[in-house]
């Protein structure tokens, strides 16, 4: 804890004020305001020192007058990538349910898959809430000027953090389970549809290659195609893969939406699923049960993911930086394999 004149920066039980930060940092309260809000001319070293003191004192800007109905209640700001993607409503529901059990409220915002919008939302939402939870792609260093001491939980970014709490998905275990299932079903010429994402961009690709090597499959990076995270993107990627490698008998998709797109493309191409080409998705979306045959998938408990994020917030608000929380997916075998 930062100390000055032998005393802690703020008394226990009293909300830390902007002037407390200014006193400990040895600057004016106007300088603290500029440093935290990123406004005006300020020396980078001074801004860094002010933000370090603010974080150490757990300074939180006042939420009064900023539009929240219950400023006396703990409020979480939740940032997701795309509310239209059926993955996120279940995750959001898990956050809301876990927060509601603590009598907290949740404010939801979407980046609309715009990476730059992450930073805008962090800055604006961070001024209104007690903690943030987000699907974020930026590094800790890039996030720091926008977080400004707000407790933050990052979900499924795929890289570690020394400053923020994490909720991680064991994607490697999920990909391995899906591939080994296909191998057990006798498939040796397997392809994969990968996508750009905020999580570790290489984990699926590298796990795919590692498993193929371990089982001595005739598979290399040429059987991995990159597509968009959508049904249309999955369809286009499947057609590319089958054109380049018509001998492929099974495909592991980045997620269920991509897998459903691949399924539709297979139908258009006259490829029978699973007789001529098996399909495995990832996420366990309910929509996967609606196709015929229903989709085999690597299921992820998205509500539990939200619960874990709120638990991490709980630890941060108690003054602790918890170890990463890990959620493991499991294979659900259905008709496409």
Protein backbone atom coordinates (compact mmCIF):
# COMPACT_ATOMS: atom_id res chain seq x y z
CA UNK A 1 0.00 0.00 0.00
CA UNK A 2 1.30 3.45 -0.89
CA UNK A 3 2.00 5.44 2.22
CA UNK A 4 2.96 9.00 2.96
CA UNK A 5 4.04 10.50 6.27
CA UNK A 6 3.64 7.07 7.81
CA UNK A 7 -0.10 6.81 7.14
CA UNK A 8 -2.09 4.83 4.61
CA UNK A 9 -3.47 6.78 1.68
CA UNK A 10 -7.06 6.45 2.87
CA UNK A 11 -8.75 5.54 6.11
CA UNK A 12 -10.53 2.21 6.30
CA UNK A 13 -14.25 2.52 5.75
CA UNK A 14 -14.03 5.87 3.93
CA UNK A 15 -14.35 6.22 0.17
CA UNK A 16 -11.07 7.28 -1.37
CA UNK A 17 -11.38 10.68 -3.04
CA UNK A 18 -9.60 12.31 -5.94
CA UNK A 19 -7.87 14.61 -3.43
CA UNK A 20 -6.53 11.55 -1.54
CA UNK A 21 -4.86 10.41 -4.74
CA UNK A 22 -3.51 13.90 -5.40
CA UNK A 23 -2.04 14.13 -1.89
CA UNK A 24 -0.27 10.77 -2.06
CA UNK A 25 0.95 11.31 -5.64
CA UNK A 26 2.17 14.79 -4.81
CA UNK A 27 0.21 16.54 -7.56
CA UNK A 28 -2.84 18.78 -7.83
CA UNK A 29 -6.32 17.34 -7.98
CA UNK A 30 -6.65 18.82 -11.48
CA UNK A 31 -3.63 16.75 -12.56
CA UNK A 32 -5.22 13.61 -11.10
CA UNK A 33 -8.43 14.32 -13.03
CA UNK A 34 -6.52 14.79 -16.28
CA UNK A 35 -4.47 11.62 -15.70
CA UNK A 36 -7.47 9.43 -14.95
CA UNK A 37 -9.70 10.83 -17.70
CA UNK A 38 -6.93 11.04 -20.29
CA UNK A 39 -7.64 14.69 -21.00
CA UNK A 40 -5.30 17.63 -21.42
CA UNK A 41 -1.52 17.90 -21.52
CA UNK A 42 0.18 15.69 -18.96
CA UNK A 43 3.62 14.17 -18.70
CA UNK A 44 3.46 10.39 -19.35
CA UNK A 45 5.56 9.62 -16.27
CA UNK A 46 3.26 11.76 -14.10
CA UNK A 47 0.20 10.02 -15.52
CA UNK A 48 1.75 6.62 -14.82
CA UNK A 49 2.54 7.62 -11.23
CA UNK A 50 -0.97 8.95 -10.65
CA UNK A 51 -2.59 5.79 -12.08
CA UNK A 52 -0.34 3.61 -9.92
CA UNK A 53 -1.38 5.54 -6.79
CA UNK A 54 -5.06 5.44 -7.80
CA UNK A 55 -4.88 1.68 -8.26
CA UNK A 56 -3.02 1.16 -4.98
CA UNK A 57 -5.56 3.24 -3.06
CA UNK A 58 -8.42 1.56 -4.97
CA UNK A 59 -9.74 4.96 -5.97
CA UNK A 60 -13.08 4.88 -7.77
CA UNK A 61 -14.55 7.96 -9.48
CA UNK A 62 -17.93 8.95 -8.09
CA UNK A 63 -20.90 7.46 -9.92
CA UNK A 64 -23.36 10.04 -8.58
CA UNK A 65 -24.98 12.13 -11.25
CA UNK A 66 -23.82 9.84 -14.06
CA UNK A 67 -27.17 8.32 -14.89
CA UNK A 68 -27.24 5.18 -12.74
CA UNK A 69 -30.49 4.63 -10.88
CA UNK A 70 -28.92 2.96 -7.84
CA UNK A 71 -25.53 4.56 -7.12
CA UNK A 72 -25.45 2.82 -3.74
CA UNK A 73 -25.48 -0.67 -5.34
CA UNK A 74 -22.44 -2.44 -6.77
CA UNK A 75 -22.63 -2.20 -10.55
CA UNK A 76 -20.73 -4.32 -13.08
CA UNK A 77 -20.07 -3.09 -16.59
CA UNK A 78 -20.18 -6.05 -19.00
CA UNK A 79 -18.60 -5.74 -22.46
CA UNK A 80 -19.22 -8.45 -25.07
CA UNK A 81 -18.28 -8.72 -28.73
CA UNK A 82 -21.66 -9.23 -30.37
CA UNK A 83 -25.06 -9.54 -28.68
CA UNK A 84 -26.50 -11.07 -31.87
CA UNK A 85 -24.14 -14.06 -31.64
CA UNK A 86 -26.18 -16.68 -29.74
CA UNK A 87 -23.16 -17.51 -27.59
CA UNK A 88 -23.35 -14.25 -25.66
CA UNK A 89 -26.97 -14.18 -24.38
CA UNK A 90 -26.29 -17.28 -22.27
CA UNK A 91 -23.04 -15.79 -20.97
CA UNK A 92 -24.79 -12.50 -20.18
CA UNK A 93 -27.57 -14.41 -18.41
CA UNK A 94 -24.96 -16.15 -16.25
CA UNK A 95 -23.42 -12.82 -15.27
CA UNK A 96 -26.81 -11.26 -14.48
CA UNK A 97 -27.94 -14.27 -12.43
CA UNK A 98 -24.73 -14.39 -10.40
CA UNK A 99 -24.77 -10.62 -9.88
CA UNK A 100 -28.42 -10.70 -8.89
CA UNK A 101 -27.62 -13.26 -6.20
CA UNK A 102 -25.37 -10.60 -4.66
CA UNK A 103 -27.91 -7.80 -5.17
CA UNK A 104 -25.66 -6.23 -7.78
CA UNK A 105 -26.73 -4.73 -11.08
CA UNK A 106 -25.23 -5.17 -14.55
CA UNK A 107 -24.85 -2.71 -17.43
CA UNK A 108 -24.27 -4.46 -20.80
CA UNK A 109 -22.48 -2.99 -23.82
CA UNK A 110 -21.31 -4.47 -27.13
CA UNK A 111 -18.21 -3.69 -29.17
CA UNK A 112 -20.01 -4.91 -32.34
CA UNK A 113 -16.77 -6.74 -33.17
CA UNK A 114 -14.97 -3.40 -33.43
CA UNK A 115 -11.61 -3.68 -31.66
CA UNK A 116 -11.19 0.08 -31.26
CA UNK A 117 -14.64 0.34 -29.67
CA UNK A 118 -13.33 -1.77 -26.76
CA UNK A 119 -11.26 1.16 -25.52
CA UNK A 120 -14.07 3.69 -25.91
CA UNK A 121 -16.43 1.47 -23.93
CA UNK A 122 -13.85 0.79 -21.23
CA UNK A 123 -13.34 4.50 -20.68
CA UNK A 124 -16.99 5.55 -20.71
CA UNK A 125 -18.39 2.55 -18.84
CA UNK A 126 -15.53 2.54 -16.36
CA UNK A 127 -16.62 5.96 -15.11
CA UNK A 128 -20.05 4.60 -14.19
CA UNK A 129 -19.43 1.22 -12.58
CA UNK A 130 -17.59 -0.44 -9.72
CA UNK A 131 -15.98 -3.17 -11.84
CA UNK A 132 -15.72 -4.31 -15.45
CA UNK A 133 -16.01 -7.71 -17.12
CA UNK A 134 -15.15 -8.01 -20.78
CA UNK A 135 -14.25 -10.00 -23.84
CA UNK A 136 -11.22 -7.87 -24.70
CA UNK A 137 -8.43 -8.31 -27.23
CA UNK A 138 -6.01 -5.57 -26.16
CA UNK A 139 -2.92 -6.16 -24.04
CA UNK A 140 -2.68 -4.99 -20.44
CA UNK A 141 -0.43 -2.15 -21.54
CA UNK A 142 -2.94 -1.00 -24.15
CA UNK A 143 -5.84 -1.24 -21.68
CA UNK A 144 -4.18 0.59 -18.80
CA UNK A 145 -4.91 4.22 -19.78
CA UNK A 146 -8.57 3.37 -20.29
CA UNK A 147 -9.14 1.18 -17.25
CA UNK A 148 -7.72 3.80 -14.85
CA UNK A 149 -7.78 1.65 -11.74
CA UNK A 150 -11.21 0.05 -12.26
CA UNK A 151 -11.25 -3.64 -11.18
CA UNK A 152 -11.30 -5.64 -14.41
CA UNK A 153 -12.02 -9.27 -15.31
CA UNK A 154 -10.93 -10.34 -18.79
CA UNK A 155 -12.72 -13.35 -20.29
CA UNK A 156 -11.06 -15.86 -22.64
CA UNK A 157 -8.31 -13.59 -23.93
CA UNK A 158 -5.88 -16.48 -24.06
CA UNK A 159 -2.92 -14.65 -22.50
CA UNK A 160 -2.00 -14.03 -18.88
CA UNK A 161 -2.21 -10.84 -16.86
CA UNK A 162 -0.33 -9.52 -13.85
CA UNK A 163 -2.80 -6.68 -13.30
CA UNK A 164 -6.30 -8.05 -13.96
CA UNK A 165 -8.41 -11.08 -13.06
CA UNK A 166 -9.00 -13.70 -15.73
CA UNK A 167 -11.57 -16.30 -16.71
CA UNK A 168 -10.07 -18.72 -19.19
CA UNK A 169 -11.54 -21.48 -21.34
CA UNK A 170 -9.52 -24.67 -21.74
CA UNK A 171 -9.78 -24.50 -25.52
CA UNK A 172 -6.86 -26.85 -25.99
CA UNK A 173 -8.63 -29.63 -24.08
CA UNK A 174 -11.81 -29.06 -26.08
CA UNK A 175 -10.09 -29.21 -29.46
CA UNK A 176 -8.20 -32.31 -28.40
CA UNK A 177 -11.43 -34.03 -27.29
CA UNK A 178 -13.13 -33.23 -30.61
CA UNK A 179 -10.23 -34.46 -32.72
CA UNK A 180 -9.70 -37.64 -30.73
CA UNK A 181 -13.42 -38.40 -31.09
CA UNK A 182 -13.09 -38.13 -34.87
CA UNK A 183 -9.96 -40.28 -34.84
CA UNK A 184 -11.77 -42.92 -32.78
CA UNK A 185 -14.49 -42.92 -35.44
CA UNK A 186 -11.83 -43.87 -37.99
CA UNK A 187 -11.15 -40.49 -39.62
CA UNK A 188 -7.59 -39.75 -40.72
CA UNK A 189 -8.00 -36.99 -43.28
CA UNK A 190 -9.37 -34.24 -41.05
CA UNK A 191 -9.67 -30.54 -41.81
CA UNK A 192 -10.28 -27.54 -39.59
CA UNK A 193 -12.03 -24.20 -40.06
CA UNK A 194 -10.32 -21.60 -37.87
CA UNK A 195 -11.31 -17.96 -37.25
CA UNK A 196 -9.75 -14.76 -35.98
CA UNK A 197 -10.79 -14.15 -32.35
CA UNK A 198 -9.90 -12.34 -29.14
CA UNK A 199 -8.75 -15.57 -27.51
CA UNK A 200 -5.34 -17.09 -28.22
CA UNK A 201 -5.29 -17.09 -32.04
CA UNK A 202 -2.93 -20.07 -32.29
CA UNK A 203 -4.32 -22.51 -29.71
CA UNK A 204 -6.77 -24.29 -32.04
CA UNK A 205 -4.30 -24.45 -34.91
CA UNK A 206 -1.40 -25.68 -32.79
CA UNK A 207 -3.51 -28.25 -30.91
CA UNK A 208 -4.87 -29.55 -34.22
CA UNK A 209 -1.34 -30.01 -35.57
CA UNK A 210 -0.05 -31.54 -32.31
CA UNK A 211 -2.84 -34.13 -32.18
CA UNK A 212 -2.41 -34.94 -35.89
CA UNK A 213 1.32 -35.44 -35.37
CA UNK A 214 0.80 -37.59 -32.27
CA UNK A 215 -1.56 -39.88 -34.23
CA UNK A 216 0.60 -39.78 -37.38
CA UNK A 217 -2.22 -38.41 -39.49
CA UNK A 218 -1.58 -37.19 -43.06
CA UNK A 219 -2.59 -33.68 -41.95
CA UNK A 220 -0.72 -30.37 -42.13
CA UNK A 221 -1.46 -26.63 -42.10
CA UNK A 222 -2.83 -26.91 -45.63
CA UNK A 223 -5.93 -28.55 -44.16
CA UNK A 224 -6.63 -25.53 -41.94
CA UNK A 225 -8.66 -22.77 -43.59
CA UNK A 226 -9.54 -19.37 -42.12
CA UNK A 227 -13.12 -18.14 -42.22
CA UNK A 228 -15.39 -15.53 -40.72
CA UNK A 229 -17.23 -16.23 -37.44
CA UNK A 230 -20.64 -16.65 -39.06
CA UNK A 231 -22.83 -19.19 -40.78
CA UNK A 232 -21.95 -17.69 -44.16
CA UNK A 233 -18.27 -17.69 -43.26
CA UNK A 234 -18.44 -21.35 -42.29
CA UNK A 235 -20.06 -22.21 -45.60
CA UNK A 236 -17.44 -20.38 -47.63
CA UNK A 237 -14.61 -21.97 -45.65
CA UNK A 238 -16.04 -25.47 -46.06
CA UNK A 239 -16.24 -25.02 -49.83
CA UNK A 240 -12.62 -23.81 -49.89
CA UNK A 241 -11.50 -26.80 -47.84
CA UNK A 242 -13.36 -29.37 -49.94
CA UNK A 243 -12.10 -27.80 -53.17
CA UNK A 244 -8.49 -27.93 -52.01
CA UNK A 245 -8.81 -31.30 -50.24
CA UNK A 246 -11.76 -33.35 -51.54
CA UNK A 247 -10.46 -36.35 -49.58
CA UNK A 248 -11.28 -34.72 -46.22
CA UNK A 249 -13.74 -36.94 -44.31
CA UNK A 250 -14.19 -34.83 -41.16
CA UNK A 251 -14.05 -31.15 -40.19
CA UNK A 252 -13.57 -29.48 -36.82
CA UNK A 253 -15.12 -25.99 -36.86
CA UNK A 254 -14.17 -22.93 -34.82
CA UNK A 255 -17.64 -22.72 -33.30
CA UNK A 256 -21.18 -23.98 -33.81
CA UNK A 257 -22.23 -21.15 -36.13
CA UNK A 258 -19.30 -21.93 -38.42
CA UNK A 259 -20.12 -25.65 -38.21
CA UNK A 260 -23.74 -25.00 -39.20
CA UNK A 261 -22.52 -22.97 -42.17
CA UNK A 262 -20.29 -25.89 -43.13
CA UNK A 263 -23.26 -28.24 -42.78
CA UNK A 264 -25.35 -26.11 -45.13
CA UNK A 265 -22.50 -25.93 -47.64
CA UNK A 266 -22.11 -29.70 -47.52
CA UNK A 267 -25.79 -30.05 -48.40
CA UNK A 268 -25.38 -27.65 -51.34
CA UNK A 269 -22.37 -29.61 -52.58
CA UNK A 270 -24.17 -32.95 -52.26
CA UNK A 271 -21.84 -34.11 -49.47
CA UNK A 272 -23.68 -36.36 -47.02
CA UNK A 273 -23.14 -35.66 -43.29
CA UNK A 274 -21.80 -37.69 -41.56
CA UNK A 275 -21.40 -40.51 -44.11
CA UNK A 276 -19.06 -38.56 -46.41
CA UNK A 277 -17.93 -35.83 -44.05
CA UNK A 278 -18.36 -35.63 -40.28
CA UNK A 279 -18.67 -32.25 -38.51
CA UNK A 280 -17.80 -31.10 -34.98
CA UNK A 281 -18.64 -27.64 -33.63
CA UNK A 282 -17.52 -25.78 -30.53
CA UNK A 283 -19.58 -23.90 -27.87
CA UNK A 284 -22.66 -26.11 -27.51
CA UNK A 285 -25.28 -23.66 -28.79
CA UNK A 286 -28.93 -24.73 -28.67
CA UNK A 287 -29.24 -23.98 -32.38
CA UNK A 288 -26.99 -26.97 -33.07
CA UNK A 289 -29.80 -29.28 -31.98
CA UNK A 290 -32.14 -27.89 -34.64
CA UNK A 291 -30.31 -29.15 -37.72
CA UNK A 292 -30.85 -32.70 -38.96
CA UNK A 293 -28.82 -34.60 -37.97
CA UNK A 294 -28.07 -32.54 -34.84
CA UNK A 295 -24.55 -31.19 -34.40
CA UNK A 296 -21.83 -32.93 -32.43
CA UNK A 297 -20.16 -30.18 -30.43
CA UNK A 298 -17.61 -29.35 -27.77
CA UNK A 299 -19.99 -27.96 -25.18
CA UNK A 300 -19.13 -24.96 -23.05
CA UNK A 301 -21.27 -24.02 -20.03
CA UNK A 302 -21.73 -20.36 -20.91
CA UNK A 303 -23.80 -19.52 -17.84
CA UNK A 304 -21.08 -20.99 -15.65
CA UNK A 305 -18.58 -18.81 -17.52
CA UNK A 306 -20.62 -15.78 -16.42
CA UNK A 307 -20.77 -17.02 -12.85
CA UNK A 308 -17.00 -17.41 -12.74
CA UNK A 309 -16.55 -13.87 -14.02
CA UNK A 310 -18.74 -12.47 -11.22
CA UNK A 311 -16.84 -14.54 -8.65
CA UNK A 312 -13.62 -12.95 -9.91
CA UNK A 313 -15.21 -9.51 -9.49
CA UNK A 314 -16.11 -10.47 -5.92
CA UNK A 315 -12.46 -11.22 -5.18
CA UNK A 316 -11.26 -7.98 -6.77
CA UNK A 317 -13.70 -5.88 -4.76
CA UNK A 318 -12.43 -7.63 -1.63
CA UNK A 319 -8.96 -6.36 -2.47
CA UNK A 320 -7.52 -9.58 -3.87
CA UNK A 321 -6.18 -10.43 -7.33
CA UNK A 322 -7.41 -14.02 -7.72
CA UNK A 323 -5.72 -16.70 -9.81
CA UNK A 324 -7.28 -17.35 -13.23
CA UNK A 325 -10.56 -19.26 -13.20
CA UNK A 326 -10.61 -22.11 -15.73
CA UNK A 327 -13.68 -23.55 -17.45
CA UNK A 328 -13.30 -26.91 -19.19
CA UNK A 329 -15.59 -27.87 -22.10
CA UNK A 330 -16.81 -31.40 -22.78
CA UNK A 331 -17.74 -33.31 -25.90
CA UNK A 332 -21.44 -33.85 -26.73
CA UNK A 333 -21.82 -36.53 -29.41
CA UNK A 334 -24.80 -36.16 -31.74
CA UNK A 335 -25.67 -37.03 -35.32
CA UNK A 336 -23.01 -35.23 -37.39
CA UNK A 337 -20.29 -37.71 -36.38
